[in-house]
Amino acid sequence: MQITTIILAGGKSKRMGTDKALLELEGKTLLERAINLCKPLSFELLISSNNDLHARFNYPLIKDEVKNCGPIGGIYSGLKQSKTDWNLVLSVDAAFVDAPFLQFLIKNTGDFDAVIPFSEKGAEPLIALYHRSCISKMEELLENQDYRMHNLLKSVKTNWVDAQEYLNKNTRLFANLNRPEDLESSKI
């Protein structure tokens, strides 16, 4: 199965105070880390971002067709540009996701529109897989200015996969680097 990766790197980074995608962790930017992780699994790789600086990584930069609507806008624009049915979505600030976990998600596609991991901490719709069949439902939600991922996932055939086993092995699996202190504590 061919997979396109859509790296969500277009957030406003309000809590971080600077572009998260260009922050460094262990000698690489968060965007480079995401690219290196996903490249071996991907037929193509797209960067969802409105920041032209992200084009320096030599992957197609997909700008939001619908502005200021959060992650659903980036995913929607990426799905529309994708050449494959299945698309791996990874938020750039999820710096500790690993390849075995992504392979686990890919193995759970089946006859679904989305594959969403969850644990006792909740669902992770920005470390997930989306089929292009979600586009029409996304268009409907965007037209109604309903930008909640939860509403999308309620309205498509979603495979909710239990990720607790993976989280037990990698306790930082779903950690997001949202604030400067998150980045600093991750370096320890």
Protein backbone atom coordinates (compact mmCIF):
# COMPACT_ATOMS: atom_id res chain seq x y z
CA MET A 1 0.00 0.00 0.00
CA GLN A 2 1.33 3.42 -0.93
CA ILE A 3 1.13 6.12 1.73
CA THR A 4 1.51 9.87 1.49
CA THR A 5 2.74 11.63 4.58
CA ILE A 6 1.30 15.04 5.43
CA ILE A 7 3.41 16.76 8.06
CA LEU A 8 1.38 19.44 9.82
CA ALA A 9 3.88 22.27 10.26
CA GLY A 10 1.60 25.25 9.83
CA GLY A 11 0.41 25.91 13.36
CA LYS A 12 0.61 29.39 14.79
CA SER A 13 2.91 28.27 17.64
CA LYS A 14 1.39 30.86 19.98
CA ARG A 15 2.44 29.07 23.18
CA MET A 16 5.96 28.40 21.88
CA GLY A 17 6.41 31.97 20.67
CA THR A 18 8.33 30.89 17.55
CA ASP A 19 7.91 28.49 14.63
CA LYS A 20 7.99 25.02 16.23
CA ALA A 21 8.94 23.28 12.98
CA LEU A 22 12.30 25.08 12.94
CA LEU A 23 13.21 24.43 16.58
CA GLU A 24 16.05 22.01 17.14
CA LEU A 25 16.02 18.85 19.20
CA GLU A 26 19.08 16.59 19.25
CA GLY A 27 20.71 18.55 16.42
CA LYS A 28 17.79 18.47 13.98
CA THR A 29 14.78 20.69 13.49
CA LEU A 30 11.43 19.19 14.43
CA LEU A 31 10.52 19.28 10.75
CA GLU A 32 13.69 17.36 9.79
CA ARG A 33 12.94 14.78 12.49
CA ALA A 34 9.42 14.28 11.13
CA ILE A 35 10.70 14.00 7.55
CA ASN A 36 13.39 11.47 8.52
CA LEU A 37 10.84 9.39 10.43
CA CYS A 38 8.21 9.32 7.71
CA LYS A 39 10.30 9.24 4.53
CA PRO A 40 10.95 5.45 4.58
CA LEU A 41 7.20 4.77 4.88
CA SER A 42 6.08 7.27 2.25
CA PHE A 43 5.34 7.21 -1.45
CA GLU A 44 5.35 11.02 -1.25
CA LEU A 45 5.78 13.52 1.52
CA LEU A 46 3.93 16.85 1.79
CA ILE A 47 4.48 19.69 4.25
CA SER A 48 1.30 21.45 5.30
CA SER A 49 2.42 24.99 6.04
CA ASN A 50 1.89 28.60 5.07
CA ASN A 51 5.52 29.41 5.97
CA ASP A 52 7.72 29.64 2.86
CA LEU A 53 10.80 28.90 5.02
CA HIS A 54 9.61 25.30 5.21
CA ALA A 55 10.17 24.92 1.45
CA ARG A 56 13.92 24.67 2.10
CA PHE A 57 13.45 20.99 2.97
CA ASN A 58 12.69 20.28 -0.72
CA TYR A 59 9.25 18.74 -0.28
CA PRO A 60 6.03 20.17 -1.68
CA LEU A 61 4.67 22.91 0.56
CA ILE A 62 0.87 22.76 0.77
CA LYS A 63 -0.74 26.01 1.87
CA ASP A 64 -4.14 26.00 3.55
CA GLU A 65 -7.01 26.44 1.11
CA VAL A 66 -9.20 27.49 4.04
CA LYS A 67 -7.34 29.81 6.39
CA ASN A 68 -7.48 29.99 10.18
CA CYS A 69 -9.40 26.79 10.81
CA GLY A 70 -6.76 24.74 12.60
CA PRO A 71 -5.53 21.25 11.76
CA ILE A 72 -8.59 20.23 9.75
CA GLY A 73 -7.62 22.85 7.15
CA GLY A 74 -4.09 21.50 6.79
CA ILE A 75 -5.27 17.92 6.57
CA TYR A 76 -7.96 18.85 4.04
CA SER A 77 -5.52 20.74 1.80
CA GLY A 78 -3.00 17.91 2.05
CA LEU A 79 -5.55 15.22 1.18
CA LYS A 80 -6.61 17.20 -1.88
CA GLN A 81 -2.98 17.30 -3.10
CA SER A 82 -2.17 13.69 -2.23
CA LYS A 83 -1.72 11.10 -4.98
CA THR A 84 -2.52 8.15 -2.70
CA ASP A 85 -5.72 7.01 -1.02
CA TRP A 86 -4.17 6.63 2.45
CA ASN A 87 -2.36 9.49 4.15
CA LEU A 88 -0.31 9.51 7.30
CA VAL A 89 -0.80 12.76 9.21
CA LEU A 90 1.87 13.77 11.71
CA SER A 91 1.96 16.97 13.71
CA VAL A 92 5.48 18.40 13.64
CA ASP A 93 5.48 18.92 17.41
CA ALA A 94 4.94 15.20 18.10
CA ALA A 95 8.70 14.70 18.25
CA PHE A 96 8.80 11.28 19.91
CA VAL A 97 6.61 9.22 17.60
CA ASP A 98 8.55 6.19 16.35
CA ALA A 99 8.48 4.02 13.22
CA PRO A 100 7.05 0.85 14.87
CA PHE A 101 4.05 2.87 16.02
CA LEU A 102 3.45 4.33 12.56
CA GLN A 103 3.69 0.84 11.05
CA PHE A 104 1.12 -0.34 13.61
CA LEU A 105 -1.28 2.40 12.45
CA ILE A 106 -0.76 1.51 8.79
CA LYS A 107 -1.59 -2.14 9.50
CA ASN A 108 -4.99 -1.05 10.85
CA THR A 109 -6.36 0.74 7.79
CA GLY A 110 -8.83 -1.94 6.67
CA ASP A 111 -12.18 -0.74 5.37
CA PHE A 112 -12.13 2.60 7.19
CA ASP A 113 -11.87 6.31 6.44
CA ALA A 114 -9.57 7.14 9.36
CA VAL A 115 -7.30 5.31 11.80
CA ILE A 116 -7.04 7.18 15.10
CA PRO A 117 -4.92 6.01 18.03
CA PHE A 118 -6.17 6.47 21.57
CA SER A 119 -4.90 5.75 25.06
CA GLU A 120 -6.11 6.48 28.56
CA LYS A 121 -4.96 10.09 27.87
CA GLY A 122 -7.38 10.44 24.94
CA ALA A 123 -7.37 10.35 21.14
CA GLU A 124 -4.54 11.56 18.91
CA PRO A 125 -6.11 12.73 15.62
CA LEU A 126 -2.88 14.47 14.54
CA ILE A 127 -0.83 11.25 14.62
CA ALA A 128 -3.18 9.26 12.44
CA LEU A 129 -4.16 8.02 9.01
CA TYR A 130 -6.83 9.54 6.78
CA HIS A 131 -8.26 8.21 3.54
CA ARG A 132 -9.05 10.62 0.74
CA SER A 133 -12.69 9.57 1.18
CA CYS A 134 -12.76 12.09 4.08
CA ILE A 135 -12.48 15.06 1.71
CA SER A 136 -16.21 15.49 1.05
CA LYS A 137 -17.09 15.37 4.76
CA MET A 138 -14.29 17.86 5.50
CA GLU A 139 -15.65 20.20 2.83
CA GLU A 140 -19.07 20.04 4.44
CA LEU A 141 -17.65 20.82 7.89
CA LEU A 142 -15.44 23.63 6.58
CA GLU A 143 -18.38 25.21 4.74
CA ASN A 144 -20.28 25.19 8.04
CA GLN A 145 -17.25 26.62 9.87
CA ASP A 146 -17.12 23.51 12.04
CA TYR A 147 -13.39 22.97 12.53
CA ARG A 148 -13.51 20.30 15.23
CA MET A 149 -11.65 17.11 14.36
CA HIS A 150 -13.93 15.24 16.75
CA ASN A 151 -16.94 16.05 14.57
CA LEU A 152 -15.14 14.80 11.47
CA LEU A 153 -14.22 11.53 13.19
CA LYS A 154 -17.79 11.01 14.38
CA SER A 155 -19.08 11.39 10.84
CA VAL A 156 -16.69 9.05 8.98
CA LYS A 157 -15.90 5.36 9.46
CA THR A 158 -13.15 5.61 12.07
CA ASN A 159 -11.01 2.77 13.35
CA TRP A 160 -10.17 3.73 16.94
CA VAL A 161 -7.02 1.74 17.74
CA ASP A 162 -5.79 1.22 21.28
CA ALA A 163 -2.24 2.57 21.52
CA GLN A 164 -1.72 1.99 25.24
CA GLU A 165 0.75 -0.86 24.66
CA TYR A 166 2.94 1.44 22.54
CA LEU A 167 2.61 4.26 25.05
CA ASN A 168 3.75 1.91 27.82
CA LYS A 169 6.93 1.20 25.80
CA ASN A 170 7.50 4.83 24.78
CA THR A 171 6.05 7.09 27.48
CA ARG A 172 6.77 10.21 25.41
CA LEU A 173 5.05 8.81 22.29
CA PHE A 174 2.24 11.39 22.35
CA ALA A 175 4.16 14.24 24.02
CA ASN A 176 3.70 17.55 22.20
CA LEU A 177 6.26 20.31 22.30
CA ASN A 178 3.95 23.29 22.71
CA ARG A 179 5.85 25.57 25.11
CA PRO A 180 9.53 26.47 25.59
CA GLU A 181 9.58 24.43 28.82
CA ASP A 182 8.32 21.35 26.91
CA LEU A 183 11.30 21.62 24.59
CA GLU A 184 13.75 22.15 27.45
CA SER A 185 12.44 19.23 29.49
CA SER A 186 12.61 16.95 26.42
CA LYS A 187 16.37 17.52 26.19
CA ILE A 188 16.98 15.96 29.60
